[in-house]
């Protein structure tokens, strides 16, 4: 059951990432690129967690991957809200 749920969330985050990258291609707004890459990283994280055992979820590597994804979202928001000099 765990694999099914990780697969569903991986598919969902992958599709959302593709939507954001499509919006980036249309608008050339870097915020969409940051969000798209972050969601694709989260999709990779969910696929890897679904293929590993349940005890591996608490290892540092998975947290670093999620931290990188959320960090990309924060960087994108900060860059979007910066006042041009």
N, C-alpha and C. Protein backbone atom coordinates (compact mmCIF):
# COMPACT_ATOMS: atom_id res chain seq x y z
N UNK A 1 0.82 -1.20 0.00
CA UNK A 1 0.00 0.00 0.00
C UNK A 1 0.87 1.26 0.00
N UNK A 2 1.99 1.18 0.72
CA UNK A 2 2.90 2.32 0.79
C UNK A 2 3.44 2.67 -0.59
N UNK A 3 3.77 1.66 -1.37
CA UNK A 3 4.29 1.90 -2.71
C UNK A 3 3.26 2.58 -3.60
N UNK A 4 2.01 2.17 -3.45
CA UNK A 4 0.93 2.77 -4.24
C UNK A 4 0.78 4.26 -3.92
N UNK A 5 0.83 4.60 -2.65
CA UNK A 5 0.69 6.01 -2.25
C UNK A 5 1.88 6.84 -2.70
N UNK A 6 3.09 6.29 -2.57
CA UNK A 6 4.26 7.02 -3.07
C UNK A 6 4.20 7.18 -4.58
N UNK A 7 3.72 6.16 -5.28
CA UNK A 7 3.58 6.26 -6.73
C UNK A 7 2.57 7.32 -7.14
N UNK A 8 1.46 7.40 -6.41
CA UNK A 8 0.44 8.40 -6.73
C UNK A 8 0.97 9.81 -6.47
N UNK A 9 1.66 10.01 -5.35
CA UNK A 9 2.19 11.35 -5.08
C UNK A 9 3.33 11.69 -6.03
N UNK A 10 4.11 10.68 -6.44
CA UNK A 10 5.17 10.93 -7.41
C UNK A 10 4.59 11.36 -8.75
N UNK A 11 3.53 10.68 -9.18
CA UNK A 11 2.88 11.05 -10.44
C UNK A 11 2.30 12.46 -10.36
N UNK A 12 1.66 12.77 -9.24
CA UNK A 12 1.07 14.10 -9.08
C UNK A 12 2.11 15.20 -9.08
N UNK A 13 3.19 15.02 -8.33
CA UNK A 13 4.22 16.05 -8.30
C UNK A 13 4.95 16.16 -9.64
N UNK A 14 5.08 15.04 -10.36
CA UNK A 14 5.71 15.08 -11.68
C UNK A 14 4.86 15.90 -12.65
N UNK A 15 3.56 15.67 -12.64
CA UNK A 15 2.65 16.41 -13.54
C UNK A 15 2.66 17.89 -13.19
N UNK A 16 2.63 18.22 -11.91
CA UNK A 16 2.68 19.62 -11.50
C UNK A 16 3.99 20.26 -11.95
N UNK A 17 5.10 19.54 -11.81
CA UNK A 17 6.39 20.05 -12.27
C UNK A 17 6.39 20.32 -13.77
N UNK A 18 5.79 19.42 -14.55
CA UNK A 18 5.71 19.64 -15.99
C UNK A 18 4.85 20.85 -16.34
N UNK A 19 3.76 21.06 -15.60
CA UNK A 19 2.94 22.25 -15.82
C UNK A 19 3.73 23.53 -15.56
N UNK A 20 4.47 23.55 -14.46
CA UNK A 20 5.27 24.74 -14.15
C UNK A 20 6.34 24.98 -15.21
N UNK A 21 6.97 23.92 -15.71
CA UNK A 21 7.97 24.10 -16.75
C UNK A 21 7.34 24.57 -18.06
N UNK A 22 6.12 24.13 -18.33
CA UNK A 22 5.42 24.62 -19.52
C UNK A 22 5.09 26.10 -19.38
N UNK A 23 4.67 26.51 -18.19
CA UNK A 23 4.40 27.94 -17.95
C UNK A 23 5.69 28.74 -18.08
N UNK A 24 6.81 28.16 -17.64
CA UNK A 24 8.10 28.85 -17.79
C UNK A 24 8.44 29.03 -19.26
N UNK A 25 8.17 28.03 -20.08
CA UNK A 25 8.48 28.13 -21.50
C UNK A 25 7.63 29.20 -22.18
N UNK A 26 6.41 29.39 -21.71
CA UNK A 26 5.53 30.39 -22.31
C UNK A 26 5.84 31.81 -21.83
N UNK A 27 6.13 31.96 -20.55
CA UNK A 27 6.27 33.29 -19.95
C UNK A 27 7.70 33.71 -19.68
N UNK A 28 8.63 32.79 -19.67
CA UNK A 28 10.04 33.04 -19.33
C UNK A 28 10.19 33.69 -17.96
N UNK A 29 9.34 33.30 -17.02
CA UNK A 29 9.42 33.78 -15.65
C UNK A 29 10.18 32.73 -14.84
N UNK A 30 11.29 33.13 -14.24
CA UNK A 30 12.15 32.19 -13.53
C UNK A 30 11.44 31.52 -12.36
N UNK A 31 10.42 32.16 -11.80
CA UNK A 31 9.68 31.56 -10.69
C UNK A 31 9.08 30.23 -11.11
N UNK A 32 8.55 30.15 -12.32
CA UNK A 32 7.97 28.90 -12.81
C UNK A 32 9.05 27.83 -12.97
N UNK A 33 10.25 28.22 -13.39
CA UNK A 33 11.34 27.25 -13.53
C UNK A 33 11.74 26.70 -12.16
N UNK A 34 11.86 27.58 -11.17
CA UNK A 34 12.20 27.12 -9.82
C UNK A 34 11.14 26.15 -9.29
N UNK A 35 9.89 26.51 -9.45
CA UNK A 35 8.81 25.64 -8.96
C UNK A 35 8.80 24.32 -9.73
N UNK A 36 9.00 24.36 -11.04
CA UNK A 36 9.00 23.14 -11.83
C UNK A 36 10.11 22.19 -11.44
N UNK A 37 11.31 22.72 -11.28
CA UNK A 37 12.44 21.87 -10.88
C UNK A 37 12.23 21.33 -9.48
N UNK A 38 11.69 22.16 -8.58
CA UNK A 38 11.43 21.70 -7.21
C UNK A 38 10.42 20.56 -7.19
N UNK A 39 9.37 20.67 -7.97
CA UNK A 39 8.37 19.60 -7.98
C UNK A 39 8.91 18.34 -8.65
N UNK A 40 9.78 18.49 -9.64
CA UNK A 40 10.39 17.30 -10.24
C UNK A 40 11.32 16.62 -9.25
N UNK A 41 12.04 17.40 -8.44
CA UNK A 41 12.88 16.81 -7.39
C UNK A 41 12.04 16.08 -6.36
N UNK A 42 10.89 16.65 -6.01
CA UNK A 42 10.01 15.97 -5.06
C UNK A 42 9.46 14.67 -5.66
N UNK A 43 9.23 14.67 -6.96
CA UNK A 43 8.77 13.46 -7.63
C UNK A 43 9.85 12.38 -7.58
N UNK A 44 11.09 12.76 -7.83
CA UNK A 44 12.20 11.81 -7.73
C UNK A 44 12.29 11.26 -6.30
N UNK A 45 12.10 12.14 -5.33
CA UNK A 45 12.14 11.73 -3.93
C UNK A 45 11.06 10.69 -3.64
N UNK A 46 9.85 10.92 -4.12
CA UNK A 46 8.75 9.98 -3.86
C UNK A 46 8.97 8.64 -4.57
N UNK A 47 9.51 8.67 -5.77
CA UNK A 47 9.80 7.42 -6.48
C UNK A 47 10.86 6.62 -5.72
N UNK A 48 11.92 7.31 -5.30
CA UNK A 48 12.99 6.62 -4.58
C UNK A 48 12.50 6.07 -3.25
N UNK A 49 11.66 6.82 -2.55
CA UNK A 49 11.12 6.32 -1.28
C UNK A 49 10.18 5.14 -1.50
N UNK A 50 9.44 5.15 -2.59
CA UNK A 50 8.56 4.03 -2.88
C UNK A 50 9.32 2.76 -3.22
N UNK A 51 10.50 2.91 -3.80
CA UNK A 51 11.29 1.74 -4.17
C UNK A 51 12.19 1.25 -3.04
N UNK A 52 12.37 2.05 -2.00
CA UNK A 52 13.22 1.65 -0.88
C UNK A 52 12.36 1.09 0.25
N UNK A 53 13.03 0.61 1.28
CA UNK A 53 12.27 0.09 2.42
C UNK A 53 11.82 1.23 3.32
N UNK A 54 10.89 0.96 4.20
CA UNK A 54 10.28 2.00 5.04
C UNK A 54 11.29 2.62 5.99
N UNK A 55 12.29 1.87 6.42
CA UNK A 55 13.28 2.40 7.36
C UNK A 55 14.20 3.42 6.70
N UNK A 56 14.34 3.36 5.38
CA UNK A 56 15.24 4.28 4.69
C UNK A 56 14.68 5.70 4.62
N UNK A 57 13.42 5.86 4.95
CA UNK A 57 12.80 7.19 4.86
C UNK A 57 13.42 8.18 5.85
N UNK A 58 13.97 7.69 6.92
CA UNK A 58 14.52 8.58 7.95
C UNK A 58 15.99 8.90 7.74
N UNK A 59 16.59 8.46 6.65
CA UNK A 59 18.00 8.78 6.41
C UNK A 59 18.15 10.22 5.94
N UNK A 60 19.34 10.74 6.11
CA UNK A 60 19.60 12.15 5.85
C UNK A 60 19.46 12.50 4.37
N UNK A 61 19.80 11.59 3.49
CA UNK A 61 19.76 11.88 2.06
C UNK A 61 18.40 12.30 1.56
N UNK A 62 17.36 11.65 2.05
CA UNK A 62 16.00 12.00 1.61
C UNK A 62 15.61 13.38 2.11
N UNK A 63 16.05 13.72 3.32
CA UNK A 63 15.74 15.04 3.85
C UNK A 63 16.48 16.13 3.08
N UNK A 64 17.71 15.83 2.67
CA UNK A 64 18.49 16.81 1.90
C UNK A 64 17.83 17.06 0.55
N UNK A 65 17.32 16.03 -0.08
CA UNK A 65 16.64 16.20 -1.36
C UNK A 65 15.39 17.06 -1.21
N UNK A 66 14.61 16.81 -0.15
CA UNK A 66 13.43 17.64 0.10
C UNK A 66 13.81 19.07 0.47
N UNK A 67 14.89 19.22 1.25
CA UNK A 67 15.37 20.55 1.62
C UNK A 67 15.79 21.33 0.38
N UNK A 68 16.45 20.67 -0.55
CA UNK A 68 16.84 21.31 -1.80
C UNK A 68 15.62 21.75 -2.60
N UNK A 69 14.61 20.91 -2.65
CA UNK A 69 13.38 21.26 -3.39
C UNK A 69 12.70 22.47 -2.76
N UNK A 70 12.53 22.44 -1.44
CA UNK A 70 11.87 23.57 -0.78
C UNK A 70 12.75 24.82 -0.81
N UNK A 71 14.07 24.62 -0.79
CA UNK A 71 14.98 25.76 -0.93
C UNK A 71 14.84 26.44 -2.28
N UNK A 72 14.66 25.65 -3.33
CA UNK A 72 14.44 26.22 -4.66
C UNK A 72 13.17 27.05 -4.71
N UNK A 73 12.13 26.59 -4.03
CA UNK A 73 10.88 27.36 -3.99
C UNK A 73 11.10 28.68 -3.27
N UNK A 74 11.82 28.64 -2.15
CA UNK A 74 12.09 29.87 -1.40
C UNK A 74 12.94 30.83 -2.21
N UNK A 75 13.97 30.33 -2.88
CA UNK A 75 14.82 31.19 -3.72
C UNK A 75 14.00 31.82 -4.84
N UNK A 76 13.14 31.05 -5.46
CA UNK A 76 12.30 31.59 -6.53
C UNK A 76 11.38 32.69 -6.04
N UNK A 77 10.78 32.51 -4.88
CA UNK A 77 9.89 33.54 -4.33
C UNK A 77 10.67 34.79 -3.97
N UNK A 78 11.84 34.62 -3.36
CA UNK A 78 12.66 35.78 -2.99
C UNK A 78 13.09 36.55 -4.23
N UNK A 79 13.54 35.84 -5.26
CA UNK A 79 13.96 36.53 -6.49
C UNK A 79 12.79 37.22 -7.17
N UNK A 80 11.62 36.64 -7.11
CA UNK A 80 10.45 37.26 -7.74
C UNK A 80 10.06 38.55 -7.03
N UNK A 81 10.24 38.59 -5.71
CA UNK A 81 9.81 39.75 -4.93
C UNK A 81 10.90 40.78 -4.70
N UNK A 82 12.07 40.59 -5.28
CA UNK A 82 13.15 41.57 -5.13
C UNK A 82 12.80 42.83 -5.88
N UNK A 83 13.15 43.95 -5.27
CA UNK A 83 12.93 45.25 -5.91
C UNK A 83 14.11 45.50 -6.84
N UNK A 84 13.85 45.76 -8.12
CA UNK A 84 14.96 46.02 -9.05
C UNK A 84 15.67 47.32 -8.68
N UNK A 85 16.98 47.29 -8.76
CA UNK A 85 17.78 48.49 -8.44
C UNK A 85 17.87 49.43 -9.61
